[in-house]
Amino acid sequence: MMIKLHCFGESGNSYKAALALELSGLKWEPVYVDFFGGQARSPEFRALNAMGEVPALVDGDLTLTQSGVIQDYVVEKSGKLGGKDATERREILRWILWDNHKLSSPAGMTRFLIHFVPKDKQPEGVIPFSQARLKAAYATLNAHLEGRDWIVGEQLTIADLTCCGYLYYPEEFGFNRSDWPHIDAWLTRISETPGWKHPYDLMPGSPADRA
């Protein structure tokens, strides 16, 4: 049975799950969610995910939400992209939790405020404050990647796929790859992995579709 991922291309959290599915080799297909049209807040979608968020994965009778949970399921089902032992699996979980709190959360909010909220409605001071927090997160990740190819262990894992979730998007939100050479090299390694795709190529729904 084909795994279905309810998602849309502009969602960095959807991208984390979609990229894990794509690189795992599991058979899956994206199901477009019209987030900006309010679909995620509809009663029909909330029956699928009461949190009103994407991504949501459906595999037969199983429904999972939250990108980290979906990525963990991909590892379990495919046997790929996970750590080689319990120590590495805990380290992967540590980076997923760090990313969700320190990197993806402020990155997603900052990108949303800059590109999807009218300038007259952008809360004063929030964007530069969030960008300062992001700069600290970039510094942490960049330092960790010095002398390493991957975040955990010696191969690509979902730790890498969670932390890269927002960093390939073209919309400016305060991240410049050239400022962070170890992150830049790491993003290149991920994008050179066979099967890698840009979020707008992997899932339906891009800014051009709303233009």
N, C-alpha and C. Protein backbone atom coordinates (compact mmCIF):
# COMPACT_ATOMS: atom_id res chain seq x y z
N MET A 1 0.85 -1.19 0.00
CA MET A 1 0.00 0.00 0.00
C MET A 1 0.88 1.25 0.00
N MET A 2 0.52 2.22 -0.80
CA MET A 2 1.29 3.44 -0.94
C MET A 2 1.13 4.34 0.29
N ILE A 3 2.24 4.79 0.85
CA ILE A 3 2.21 5.77 1.93
C ILE A 3 1.79 7.10 1.34
N LYS A 4 0.91 7.79 2.04
CA LYS A 4 0.48 9.12 1.62
C LYS A 4 0.96 10.15 2.64
N LEU A 5 1.57 11.21 2.14
CA LEU A 5 2.03 12.30 3.00
C LEU A 5 1.25 13.56 2.65
N HIS A 6 0.42 14.00 3.58
CA HIS A 6 -0.33 15.23 3.40
C HIS A 6 0.62 16.39 3.71
N CYS A 7 0.82 17.26 2.72
CA CYS A 7 1.92 18.22 2.81
C CYS A 7 1.71 19.33 1.79
N PHE A 8 2.62 20.29 1.78
CA PHE A 8 2.71 21.25 0.68
C PHE A 8 4.14 21.77 0.62
N GLY A 9 4.55 22.17 -0.58
CA GLY A 9 5.96 22.43 -0.83
C GLY A 9 6.56 23.56 -0.02
N GLU A 10 5.78 24.52 0.40
CA GLU A 10 6.31 25.67 1.13
C GLU A 10 6.55 25.37 2.62
N SER A 11 6.18 24.18 3.05
CA SER A 11 6.32 23.81 4.46
C SER A 11 7.65 23.11 4.70
N GLY A 12 8.52 23.74 5.49
CA GLY A 12 9.79 23.12 5.82
C GLY A 12 9.64 21.85 6.62
N ASN A 13 8.64 21.79 7.48
CA ASN A 13 8.41 20.56 8.25
C ASN A 13 7.92 19.44 7.36
N SER A 14 7.10 19.76 6.36
CA SER A 14 6.70 18.75 5.39
C SER A 14 7.92 18.25 4.63
N TYR A 15 8.82 19.15 4.31
CA TYR A 15 10.01 18.76 3.55
C TYR A 15 10.85 17.74 4.30
N LYS A 16 10.97 17.92 5.61
CA LYS A 16 11.74 16.96 6.42
C LYS A 16 11.19 15.54 6.24
N ALA A 17 9.89 15.42 6.34
CA ALA A 17 9.25 14.10 6.23
C ALA A 17 9.32 13.58 4.80
N ALA A 18 9.06 14.45 3.83
CA ALA A 18 9.07 14.03 2.43
C ALA A 18 10.46 13.60 1.99
N LEU A 19 11.48 14.33 2.41
CA LEU A 19 12.83 13.98 2.02
C LEU A 19 13.26 12.66 2.65
N ALA A 20 12.87 12.43 3.90
CA ALA A 20 13.16 11.15 4.54
C ALA A 20 12.50 10.00 3.77
N LEU A 21 11.25 10.18 3.38
CA LEU A 21 10.55 9.15 2.61
C LEU A 21 11.25 8.91 1.27
N GLU A 22 11.60 9.99 0.59
CA GLU A 22 12.21 9.87 -0.73
C GLU A 22 13.56 9.15 -0.66
N LEU A 23 14.39 9.51 0.30
CA LEU A 23 15.72 8.93 0.40
C LEU A 23 15.71 7.53 1.00
N SER A 24 14.62 7.18 1.66
CA SER A 24 14.52 5.84 2.26
C SER A 24 14.23 4.77 1.23
N GLY A 25 13.67 5.17 0.09
CA GLY A 25 13.27 4.20 -0.92
C GLY A 25 11.87 3.65 -0.73
N LEU A 26 11.17 4.08 0.32
CA LEU A 26 9.79 3.64 0.50
C LEU A 26 8.89 4.23 -0.59
N LYS A 27 7.83 3.53 -0.91
CA LYS A 27 6.88 4.02 -1.91
C LYS A 27 5.91 4.99 -1.22
N TRP A 28 5.84 6.20 -1.73
CA TRP A 28 4.99 7.21 -1.11
C TRP A 28 4.52 8.19 -2.18
N GLU A 29 3.51 8.95 -1.84
CA GLU A 29 3.04 10.00 -2.72
C GLU A 29 2.57 11.19 -1.89
N PRO A 30 2.81 12.40 -2.37
CA PRO A 30 2.34 13.58 -1.66
C PRO A 30 0.86 13.84 -1.93
N VAL A 31 0.18 14.31 -0.91
CA VAL A 31 -1.21 14.75 -1.04
C VAL A 31 -1.22 16.23 -0.69
N TYR A 32 -1.53 17.06 -1.66
CA TYR A 32 -1.43 18.51 -1.47
C TYR A 32 -2.46 19.02 -0.48
N VAL A 33 -1.99 19.83 0.47
CA VAL A 33 -2.85 20.51 1.43
C VAL A 33 -2.80 22.00 1.12
N ASP A 34 -3.94 22.59 0.85
CA ASP A 34 -4.02 24.02 0.55
C ASP A 34 -4.00 24.79 1.87
N PHE A 35 -2.82 24.91 2.44
CA PHE A 35 -2.68 25.53 3.75
C PHE A 35 -3.15 26.98 3.74
N PHE A 36 -2.73 27.74 2.74
CA PHE A 36 -3.09 29.17 2.71
C PHE A 36 -4.55 29.38 2.38
N GLY A 37 -5.20 28.35 1.85
CA GLY A 37 -6.63 28.43 1.61
C GLY A 37 -7.45 27.96 2.81
N GLY A 38 -6.76 27.59 3.89
CA GLY A 38 -7.45 27.21 5.12
C GLY A 38 -7.76 25.73 5.27
N GLN A 39 -7.27 24.90 4.36
CA GLN A 39 -7.63 23.47 4.40
C GLN A 39 -7.17 22.79 5.68
N ALA A 40 -5.99 23.18 6.19
CA ALA A 40 -5.47 22.52 7.39
C ALA A 40 -6.31 22.81 8.62
N ARG A 41 -7.12 23.86 8.55
CA ARG A 41 -7.97 24.21 9.69
C ARG A 41 -9.41 23.72 9.50
N SER A 42 -9.66 23.02 8.42
CA SER A 42 -11.01 22.55 8.13
C SER A 42 -11.35 21.36 9.02
N PRO A 43 -12.63 21.12 9.28
CA PRO A 43 -13.03 19.96 10.08
C PRO A 43 -12.55 18.64 9.46
N GLU A 44 -12.54 18.57 8.14
CA GLU A 44 -12.12 17.34 7.48
C GLU A 44 -10.65 17.04 7.75
N PHE A 45 -9.81 18.08 7.66
CA PHE A 45 -8.39 17.85 7.90
C PHE A 45 -8.12 17.62 9.39
N ARG A 46 -8.84 18.32 10.24
CA ARG A 46 -8.62 18.13 11.68
C ARG A 46 -9.06 16.74 12.13
N ALA A 47 -9.89 16.09 11.36
CA ALA A 47 -10.20 14.69 11.66
C ALA A 47 -8.99 13.81 11.41
N LEU A 48 -8.13 14.26 10.51
CA LEU A 48 -6.88 13.55 10.22
C LEU A 48 -5.80 13.95 11.22
N ASN A 49 -5.70 15.24 11.49
CA ASN A 49 -4.72 15.77 12.44
C ASN A 49 -5.38 16.88 13.24
N ALA A 50 -5.71 16.58 14.48
CA ALA A 50 -6.41 17.53 15.33
C ALA A 50 -5.60 18.80 15.58
N MET A 51 -4.27 18.72 15.35
CA MET A 51 -3.42 19.89 15.56
C MET A 51 -3.52 20.89 14.41
N GLY A 52 -4.14 20.48 13.31
CA GLY A 52 -4.32 21.39 12.18
C GLY A 52 -3.02 21.77 11.51
N GLU A 53 -2.09 20.81 11.42
CA GLU A 53 -0.76 21.08 10.88
C GLU A 53 -0.39 20.03 9.83
N VAL A 54 0.56 20.40 9.00
CA VAL A 54 1.22 19.43 8.13
C VAL A 54 2.65 19.29 8.64
N PRO A 55 3.26 18.13 8.38
CA PRO A 55 2.79 17.01 7.59
C PRO A 55 1.93 16.04 8.40
N ALA A 56 1.19 15.23 7.68
CA ALA A 56 0.47 14.10 8.26
C ALA A 56 0.68 12.90 7.35
N LEU A 57 1.10 11.79 7.92
CA LEU A 57 1.38 10.59 7.14
C LEU A 57 0.29 9.56 7.38
N VAL A 58 -0.16 8.94 6.30
CA VAL A 58 -1.14 7.86 6.39
C VAL A 58 -0.55 6.63 5.70
N ASP A 59 -0.42 5.56 6.46
CA ASP A 59 0.09 4.29 5.93
C ASP A 59 -0.89 3.20 6.34
N GLY A 60 -1.84 2.91 5.45
CA GLY A 60 -2.89 1.97 5.78
C GLY A 60 -3.75 2.51 6.91
N ASP A 61 -3.84 1.78 8.01
CA ASP A 61 -4.65 2.20 9.15
C ASP A 61 -3.88 3.12 10.10
N LEU A 62 -2.62 3.37 9.82
CA LEU A 62 -1.78 4.17 10.70
C LEU A 62 -1.72 5.61 10.23
N THR A 63 -1.95 6.54 11.14
CA THR A 63 -1.80 7.96 10.86
C THR A 63 -0.80 8.54 11.85
N LEU A 64 0.18 9.28 11.34
CA LEU A 64 1.19 9.91 12.18
C LEU A 64 1.31 11.38 11.83
N THR A 65 1.54 12.20 12.83
CA THR A 65 1.79 13.61 12.61
C THR A 65 3.05 14.02 13.37
N GLN A 66 3.53 15.21 13.06
CA GLN A 66 4.79 15.78 13.53
C GLN A 66 5.96 15.15 12.76
N SER A 67 6.78 16.02 12.19
CA SER A 67 7.83 15.57 11.27
C SER A 67 8.82 14.61 11.92
N GLY A 68 9.21 14.88 13.18
CA GLY A 68 10.16 14.00 13.84
C GLY A 68 9.62 12.60 14.05
N VAL A 69 8.35 12.50 14.38
CA VAL A 69 7.71 11.19 14.56
C VAL A 69 7.65 10.46 13.21
N ILE A 70 7.30 11.20 12.17
CA ILE A 70 7.23 10.59 10.83
C ILE A 70 8.61 10.12 10.39
N GLN A 71 9.62 10.92 10.62
CA GLN A 71 10.98 10.52 10.26
C GLN A 71 11.40 9.25 11.01
N ASP A 72 11.06 9.19 12.28
CA ASP A 72 11.40 8.00 13.07
C ASP A 72 10.69 6.77 12.51
N TYR A 73 9.46 6.93 12.07
CA TYR A 73 8.73 5.83 11.48
C TYR A 73 9.37 5.38 10.17
N VAL A 74 9.84 6.34 9.38
CA VAL A 74 10.52 6.01 8.13
C VAL A 74 11.75 5.15 8.40
N VAL A 75 12.51 5.52 9.43
CA VAL A 75 13.68 4.74 9.82
C VAL A 75 13.27 3.32 10.21
N GLU A 76 12.24 3.22 11.04
CA GLU A 76 11.76 1.91 11.51
C GLU A 76 11.28 1.04 10.35
N LYS A 77 10.55 1.64 9.42
CA LYS A 77 9.95 0.86 8.34
C LYS A 77 10.97 0.50 7.26
N SER A 78 11.90 1.39 6.99
CA SER A 78 12.84 1.18 5.89
C SER A 78 14.17 0.57 6.33
N GLY A 79 14.51 0.76 7.61
CA GLY A 79 15.82 0.32 8.08
C GLY A 79 16.95 1.23 7.61
N LYS A 80 16.61 2.41 7.12
CA LYS A 80 17.61 3.36 6.62
C LYS A 80 17.52 4.68 7.36
N LEU A 81 18.60 5.45 7.30
CA LEU A 81 18.66 6.82 7.81
C LEU A 81 18.64 6.91 9.32
N GLY A 82 18.85 5.77 10.01
CA GLY A 82 18.91 5.75 11.46
C GLY A 82 20.33 5.52 11.95
N GLY A 83 20.54 5.61 13.22
CA GLY A 83 21.86 5.37 13.79
C GLY A 83 22.20 3.89 13.81
N LYS A 84 23.50 3.62 13.98
CA LYS A 84 23.94 2.23 13.95
C LYS A 84 23.74 1.52 15.28
N ASP A 85 23.52 2.29 16.36
CA ASP A 85 23.33 1.68 17.67
C ASP A 85 22.51 2.62 18.55
N ALA A 86 22.27 2.20 19.79
CA ALA A 86 21.42 2.99 20.69
C ALA A 86 22.01 4.36 20.98
N THR A 87 23.33 4.43 21.07
CA THR A 87 23.98 5.71 21.35
C THR A 87 23.72 6.70 20.21
N GLU A 88 23.87 6.24 18.99
CA GLU A 88 23.62 7.13 17.86
C GLU A 88 22.14 7.49 17.75
N ARG A 89 21.25 6.56 18.05
CA ARG A 89 19.82 6.87 17.98
C ARG A 89 19.44 7.94 18.99
N ARG A 90 20.03 7.88 20.18
CA ARG A 90 19.76 8.93 21.17
C ARG A 90 20.33 10.26 20.70
N GLU A 91 21.50 10.23 20.07
CA GLU A 91 22.09 11.46 19.57
C GLU A 91 21.25 12.06 18.45
N ILE A 92 20.70 11.21 17.61
CA ILE A 92 19.78 11.68 16.56
C ILE A 92 18.57 12.36 17.19
N LEU A 93 17.99 11.75 18.22
CA LEU A 93 16.84 12.33 18.90
C LEU A 93 17.22 13.68 19.51
N ARG A 94 18.41 13.77 20.07
CA ARG A 94 18.87 15.04 20.67
C ARG A 94 18.87 16.16 19.63
N TRP A 95 19.35 15.85 18.43
CA TRP A 95 19.41 16.87 17.38
C TRP A 95 18.04 17.18 16.81
N ILE A 96 17.16 16.20 16.76
CA ILE A 96 15.79 16.49 16.31
C ILE A 96 15.10 17.45 17.27
N LEU A 97 15.26 17.20 18.57
CA LEU A 97 14.65 18.08 19.56
C LEU A 97 15.29 19.46 19.52
N TRP A 98 16.60 19.51 19.38
CA TRP A 98 17.29 20.81 19.28
C TRP A 98 16.80 21.58 18.07
N ASP A 99 16.74 20.90 16.92
CA ASP A 99 16.28 21.57 15.70
C ASP A 99 14.88 22.13 15.86
N ASN A 100 13.99 21.33 16.40
CA ASN A 100 12.59 21.76 16.52
C ASN A 100 12.45 23.01 17.39
N HIS A 101 13.31 23.12 18.39
CA HIS A 101 13.22 24.24 19.32
C HIS A 101 14.07 25.44 18.90
N LYS A 102 15.31 25.17 18.46
CA LYS A 102 16.28 26.25 18.25
C LYS A 102 16.43 26.68 16.80
N LEU A 103 16.16 25.79 15.85
CA LEU A 103 16.41 26.12 14.44
C LEU A 103 15.13 26.22 13.62
N SER A 104 14.42 25.12 13.47
CA SER A 104 13.26 25.13 12.58
C SER A 104 12.13 26.04 13.06
N SER A 105 11.91 26.07 14.36
CA SER A 105 10.81 26.89 14.87
C SER A 105 11.02 28.37 14.56
N PRO A 106 12.15 28.97 14.96
CA PRO A 106 12.34 30.38 14.60
C PRO A 106 12.55 30.60 13.11
N ALA A 107 13.16 29.63 12.39
CA ALA A 107 13.33 29.79 10.95
C ALA A 107 11.98 29.83 10.24
N GLY A 108 11.09 28.91 10.60
CA GLY A 108 9.78 28.88 9.99
C GLY A 108 8.98 30.13 10.30
N MET A 109 9.04 30.58 11.55
CA MET A 109 8.30 31.78 11.93
C MET A 109 8.84 33.02 11.22
N THR A 110 10.16 33.15 11.16
CA THR A 110 10.77 34.32 10.54
C THR A 110 10.47 34.37 9.05
N ARG A 111 10.60 33.24 8.39
CA ARG A 111 10.29 33.17 6.96
C ARG A 111 8.82 33.50 6.71
N PHE A 112 7.95 33.00 7.58
CA PHE A 112 6.52 33.27 7.43
C PHE A 112 6.22 34.76 7.61
N LEU A 113 6.81 35.37 8.64
CA LEU A 113 6.54 36.78 8.89
C LEU A 113 7.04 37.67 7.76
N ILE A 114 8.20 37.33 7.20
CA ILE A 114 8.77 38.17 6.15
C ILE A 114 8.02 38.03 4.84
N HIS A 115 7.65 36.80 4.49
CA HIS A 115 7.14 36.54 3.15
C HIS A 115 5.64 36.32 3.05
N PHE A 116 4.98 36.02 4.14
CA PHE A 116 3.58 35.66 4.07
C PHE A 116 2.66 36.58 4.90
N VAL A 117 3.25 37.54 5.61
CA VAL A 117 2.46 38.50 6.39
C VAL A 117 2.68 39.89 5.81
N PRO A 118 1.62 40.65 5.53
CA PRO A 118 1.80 42.01 5.01
C PRO A 118 2.69 42.84 5.93
N LYS A 119 3.51 43.70 5.33
CA LYS A 119 4.48 44.46 6.12
C LYS A 119 3.82 45.29 7.22
N ASP A 120 2.63 45.81 6.96
CA ASP A 120 1.97 46.63 7.98
C ASP A 120 1.44 45.80 9.14
N LYS A 121 1.45 44.47 8.99
CA LYS A 121 0.98 43.61 10.07
C LYS A 121 2.12 42.83 10.74
N GLN A 122 3.36 43.04 10.28
CA GLN A 122 4.49 42.36 10.89
C GLN A 122 4.77 42.96 12.27
N PRO A 123 4.85 42.14 13.32
CA PRO A 123 5.06 42.67 14.67
C PRO A 123 6.45 43.31 14.80
N GLU A 124 6.47 44.52 15.29
CA GLU A 124 7.71 45.29 15.38
C GLU A 124 8.72 44.59 16.29
N GLY A 125 9.92 44.44 15.79
CA GLY A 125 11.01 43.89 16.59
C GLY A 125 11.11 42.39 16.62
N VAL A 126 10.06 41.68 16.20
CA VAL A 126 10.07 40.22 16.31
C VAL A 126 11.04 39.60 15.31
N ILE A 127 11.05 40.11 14.08
CA ILE A 127 11.91 39.52 13.05
C ILE A 127 13.39 39.63 13.42
N PRO A 128 13.91 40.82 13.77
CA PRO A 128 15.33 40.88 14.15
C PRO A 128 15.66 40.07 15.40
N PHE A 129 14.73 40.00 16.34
CA PHE A 129 14.96 39.17 17.54
C PHE A 129 15.08 37.71 17.15
N SER A 130 14.18 37.25 16.29
CA SER A 130 14.21 35.86 15.86
C SER A 130 15.46 35.57 15.03
N GLN A 131 15.85 36.52 14.19
CA GLN A 131 17.06 36.32 13.39
C GLN A 131 18.31 36.24 14.26
N ALA A 132 18.34 36.96 15.38
CA ALA A 132 19.46 36.87 16.30
C ALA A 132 19.52 35.49 16.95
N ARG A 133 18.36 34.95 17.30
CA ARG A 133 18.31 33.59 17.83
C ARG A 133 18.78 32.58 16.79
N LEU A 134 18.37 32.79 15.55
CA LEU A 134 18.79 31.89 14.49
C LEU A 134 20.29 31.93 14.28
N LYS A 135 20.87 33.12 14.37
CA LYS A 135 22.32 33.24 14.19
C LYS A 135 23.05 32.39 15.22
N ALA A 136 22.55 32.36 16.45
CA ALA A 136 23.16 31.52 17.48
C ALA A 136 23.02 30.05 17.13
N ALA A 137 21.87 29.66 16.56
CA ALA A 137 21.66 28.26 16.16
C ALA A 137 22.58 27.89 15.01
N TYR A 138 22.72 28.78 14.02
CA TYR A 138 23.64 28.50 12.92
C TYR A 138 25.06 28.30 13.44
N ALA A 139 25.45 29.12 14.40
CA ALA A 139 26.80 29.01 14.96
C ALA A 139 27.00 27.66 15.64
N THR A 140 25.99 27.21 16.37
CA THR A 140 26.07 25.90 17.03
C THR A 140 26.22 24.78 16.00
N LEU A 141 25.38 24.80 14.98
CA LEU A 141 25.42 23.77 13.95
C LEU A 141 26.72 23.82 13.16
N ASN A 142 27.15 25.02 12.80
CA ASN A 142 28.38 25.18 12.03
C ASN A 142 29.59 24.64 12.79
N ALA A 143 29.65 24.95 14.08
CA ALA A 143 30.76 24.46 14.90
C ALA A 143 30.73 22.94 15.03
N HIS A 144 29.54 22.39 15.18
CA HIS A 144 29.42 20.93 15.31
C HIS A 144 29.88 20.22 14.04
N LEU A 145 29.64 20.84 12.88
CA LEU A 145 29.96 20.20 11.61
C LEU A 145 31.42 20.35 11.20
N GLU A 146 32.17 21.14 11.92
CA GLU A 146 33.58 21.26 11.58
C GLU A 146 34.28 19.91 11.76
N GLY A 147 34.89 19.43 10.70
CA GLY A 147 35.57 18.15 10.75
C GLY A 147 34.65 16.94 10.64
N ARG A 148 33.35 17.18 10.37
CA ARG A 148 32.38 16.09 10.24
C ARG A 148 31.70 16.18 8.88
N ASP A 149 31.33 15.04 8.35
CA ASP A 149 30.49 15.03 7.15
C ASP A 149 29.02 15.10 7.50
N TRP A 150 28.64 14.46 8.62
CA TRP A 150 27.23 14.35 9.00
C TRP A 150 27.06 14.70 10.47
N ILE A 151 25.84 15.03 10.86
CA ILE A 151 25.59 15.47 12.23
C ILE A 151 25.85 14.35 13.23
N VAL A 152 25.40 13.15 12.89
CA VAL A 152 25.58 12.00 13.79
C VAL A 152 26.22 10.86 13.00
N GLY A 153 27.30 10.32 13.52
CA GLY A 153 27.90 9.14 12.91
C GLY A 153 28.57 9.44 11.58
N GLU A 154 28.68 8.41 10.77
CA GLU A 154 29.45 8.48 9.53
C GLU A 154 28.59 8.37 8.29
N GLN A 155 27.29 8.56 8.45
CA GLN A 155 26.41 8.51 7.28
C GLN A 155 25.22 9.44 7.50
N LEU A 156 24.54 9.73 6.40
CA LEU A 156 23.35 10.56 6.45
C LEU A 156 22.28 9.91 7.32
N THR A 157 21.69 10.70 8.23
CA THR A 157 20.59 10.22 9.07
C THR A 157 19.49 11.26 9.10
N ILE A 158 18.41 10.92 9.78
CA ILE A 158 17.33 11.89 9.92
C ILE A 158 17.73 13.08 10.77
N ALA A 159 18.84 13.00 11.50
CA ALA A 159 19.35 14.20 12.19
C ALA A 159 19.71 15.26 11.16
N ASP A 160 20.34 14.85 10.07
CA ASP A 160 20.66 15.79 8.99
C ASP A 160 19.39 16.30 8.31
N LEU A 161 18.45 15.40 8.07
CA LEU A 161 17.25 15.77 7.33
C LEU A 161 16.34 16.68 8.12
N THR A 162 16.37 16.59 9.45
CA THR A 162 15.56 17.53 10.23
C THR A 162 16.19 18.90 10.26
N CYS A 163 17.52 18.95 10.42
CA CYS A 163 18.18 20.25 10.56
C CYS A 163 18.28 21.01 9.24
N CYS A 164 18.21 20.32 8.12
CA CYS A 164 18.31 21.02 6.83
C CYS A 164 16.95 21.49 6.34
N GLY A 165 15.89 21.18 7.06
CA GLY A 165 14.54 21.36 6.56
C GLY A 165 14.22 22.71 5.96
N TYR A 166 14.68 23.80 6.57
CA TYR A 166 14.37 25.13 6.07
C TYR A 166 15.51 25.77 5.29
N LEU A 167 16.66 25.12 5.23
CA LEU A 167 17.86 25.80 4.75
C LEU A 167 18.05 25.75 3.24
N TYR A 168 17.20 25.02 2.52
CA TYR A 168 17.27 25.01 1.06
C TYR A 168 16.28 25.97 0.42
N TYR A 169 15.40 26.58 1.19
CA TYR A 169 14.38 27.42 0.60
C TYR A 169 15.00 28.71 0.06
N PRO A 170 14.51 29.17 -1.10
CA PRO A 170 15.09 30.36 -1.71
C PRO A 170 14.65 31.67 -1.06
N GLU A 171 13.53 31.65 -0.34
CA GLU A 171 13.04 32.90 0.25
C GLU A 171 13.98 33.35 1.39
N GLU A 172 14.39 34.59 1.33
CA GLU A 172 15.35 35.13 2.30
C GLU A 172 14.71 35.25 3.69
N PHE A 173 15.39 34.74 4.70
CA PHE A 173 14.92 34.95 6.07
C PHE A 173 16.09 35.17 7.03
N GLY A 174 17.27 35.44 6.48
CA GLY A 174 18.42 35.75 7.32
C GLY A 174 19.48 34.68 7.35
N PHE A 175 19.39 33.69 6.45
CA PHE A 175 20.40 32.64 6.38
C PHE A 175 21.15 32.77 5.07
N ASN A 176 22.46 32.96 5.17
CA ASN A 176 23.33 33.04 4.00
C ASN A 176 24.36 31.93 4.10
N ARG A 177 24.30 30.98 3.21
CA ARG A 177 25.19 29.81 3.30
C ARG A 177 26.66 30.20 3.35
N SER A 178 27.04 31.23 2.63
CA SER A 178 28.45 31.61 2.56
C SER A 178 28.99 32.08 3.91
N ASP A 179 28.11 32.46 4.82
CA ASP A 179 28.55 32.89 6.15
C ASP A 179 28.91 31.71 7.04
N TRP A 180 28.51 30.51 6.66
CA TRP A 180 28.65 29.34 7.51
C TRP A 180 29.25 28.20 6.67
N PRO A 181 30.57 28.19 6.51
CA PRO A 181 31.20 27.27 5.56
C PRO A 181 30.97 25.79 5.83
N HIS A 182 30.90 25.39 7.10
CA HIS A 182 30.69 23.98 7.40
C HIS A 182 29.25 23.56 7.12
N ILE A 183 28.31 24.46 7.39
CA ILE A 183 26.91 24.20 7.02
C ILE A 183 26.79 24.15 5.50
N ASP A 184 27.45 25.07 4.82
CA ASP A 184 27.40 25.11 3.36
C ASP A 184 27.89 23.81 2.75
N ALA A 185 29.02 23.31 3.23
CA ALA A 185 29.56 22.05 2.70
C ALA A 185 28.64 20.88 3.01
N TRP A 186 28.05 20.89 4.19
CA TRP A 186 27.12 19.84 4.60
C TRP A 186 25.85 19.84 3.73
N LEU A 187 25.30 21.02 3.46
CA LEU A 187 24.13 21.11 2.60
C LEU A 187 24.45 20.62 1.19
N THR A 188 25.67 20.88 0.72
CA THR A 188 26.07 20.37 -0.58
C THR A 188 26.14 18.85 -0.57
N ARG A 189 26.68 18.29 0.50
CA ARG A 189 26.74 16.82 0.60
C ARG A 189 25.35 16.20 0.57
N ILE A 190 24.42 16.81 1.30
CA ILE A 190 23.06 16.27 1.31
C ILE A 190 22.46 16.36 -0.09
N SER A 191 22.61 17.50 -0.75
CA SER A 191 21.99 17.68 -2.07
C SER A 191 22.64 16.82 -3.14
N GLU A 192 23.84 16.32 -2.88
CA GLU A 192 24.50 15.41 -3.82
C GLU A 192 24.14 13.95 -3.55
N THR A 193 23.35 13.68 -2.52
CA THR A 193 22.91 12.33 -2.22
C THR A 193 21.93 11.86 -3.30
N PRO A 194 22.14 10.68 -3.88
CA PRO A 194 21.20 10.20 -4.91
C PRO A 194 19.76 10.20 -4.41
N GLY A 195 18.89 10.80 -5.20
CA GLY A 195 17.49 10.87 -4.84
C GLY A 195 17.07 12.19 -4.21
N TRP A 196 18.04 13.03 -3.82
CA TRP A 196 17.68 14.31 -3.21
C TRP A 196 16.89 15.18 -4.18
N LYS A 197 15.93 15.89 -3.65
CA LYS A 197 15.17 16.85 -4.45
C LYS A 197 14.93 18.11 -3.64
N HIS A 198 14.87 19.22 -4.32
CA HIS A 198 14.49 20.50 -3.73
C HIS A 198 13.03 20.41 -3.27
N PRO A 199 12.67 21.14 -2.20
CA PRO A 199 11.28 21.02 -1.71
C PRO A 199 10.22 21.31 -2.75
N TYR A 200 10.47 22.28 -3.65
CA TYR A 200 9.46 22.61 -4.64
C TYR A 200 9.39 21.60 -5.77
N ASP A 201 10.39 20.72 -5.85
CA ASP A 201 10.35 19.63 -6.82
C ASP A 201 9.81 18.35 -6.21
N LEU A 202 9.88 18.26 -4.88
CA LEU A 202 9.48 17.04 -4.19
C LEU A 202 8.00 17.02 -3.83
N MET A 203 7.43 18.23 -3.60
CA MET A 203 6.03 18.33 -3.15
C MET A 203 5.31 19.40 -3.96
N PRO A 204 4.02 19.26 -4.13
CA PRO A 204 3.25 20.30 -4.81
C PRO A 204 3.05 21.50 -3.89
N GLY A 205 2.98 22.66 -4.51
CA GLY A 205 2.70 23.88 -3.75
C GLY A 205 3.93 24.73 -3.57
N SER A 206 4.04 25.82 -4.38
CA SER A 206 5.17 26.74 -4.30
C SER A 206 4.64 28.17 -4.39
N PRO A 207 5.47 29.16 -4.09
CA PRO A 207 4.99 30.54 -4.21
C PRO A 207 4.48 30.87 -5.60
N ALA A 208 5.06 30.26 -6.62
CA ALA A 208 4.61 30.53 -8.00
C ALA A 208 3.16 30.09 -8.20
N ASP A 209 2.74 29.06 -7.47
CA ASP A 209 1.36 28.58 -7.60
C ASP A 209 0.35 29.57 -7.03
N ARG A 210 0.84 30.40 -6.11
CA ARG A 210 -0.07 31.37 -5.46
C ARG A 210 0.03 32.76 -6.09
N ALA A 211 0.99 32.92 -7.00
CA ALA A 211 1.20 34.24 -7.60
C ALA A 211 0.02 34.64 -8.49
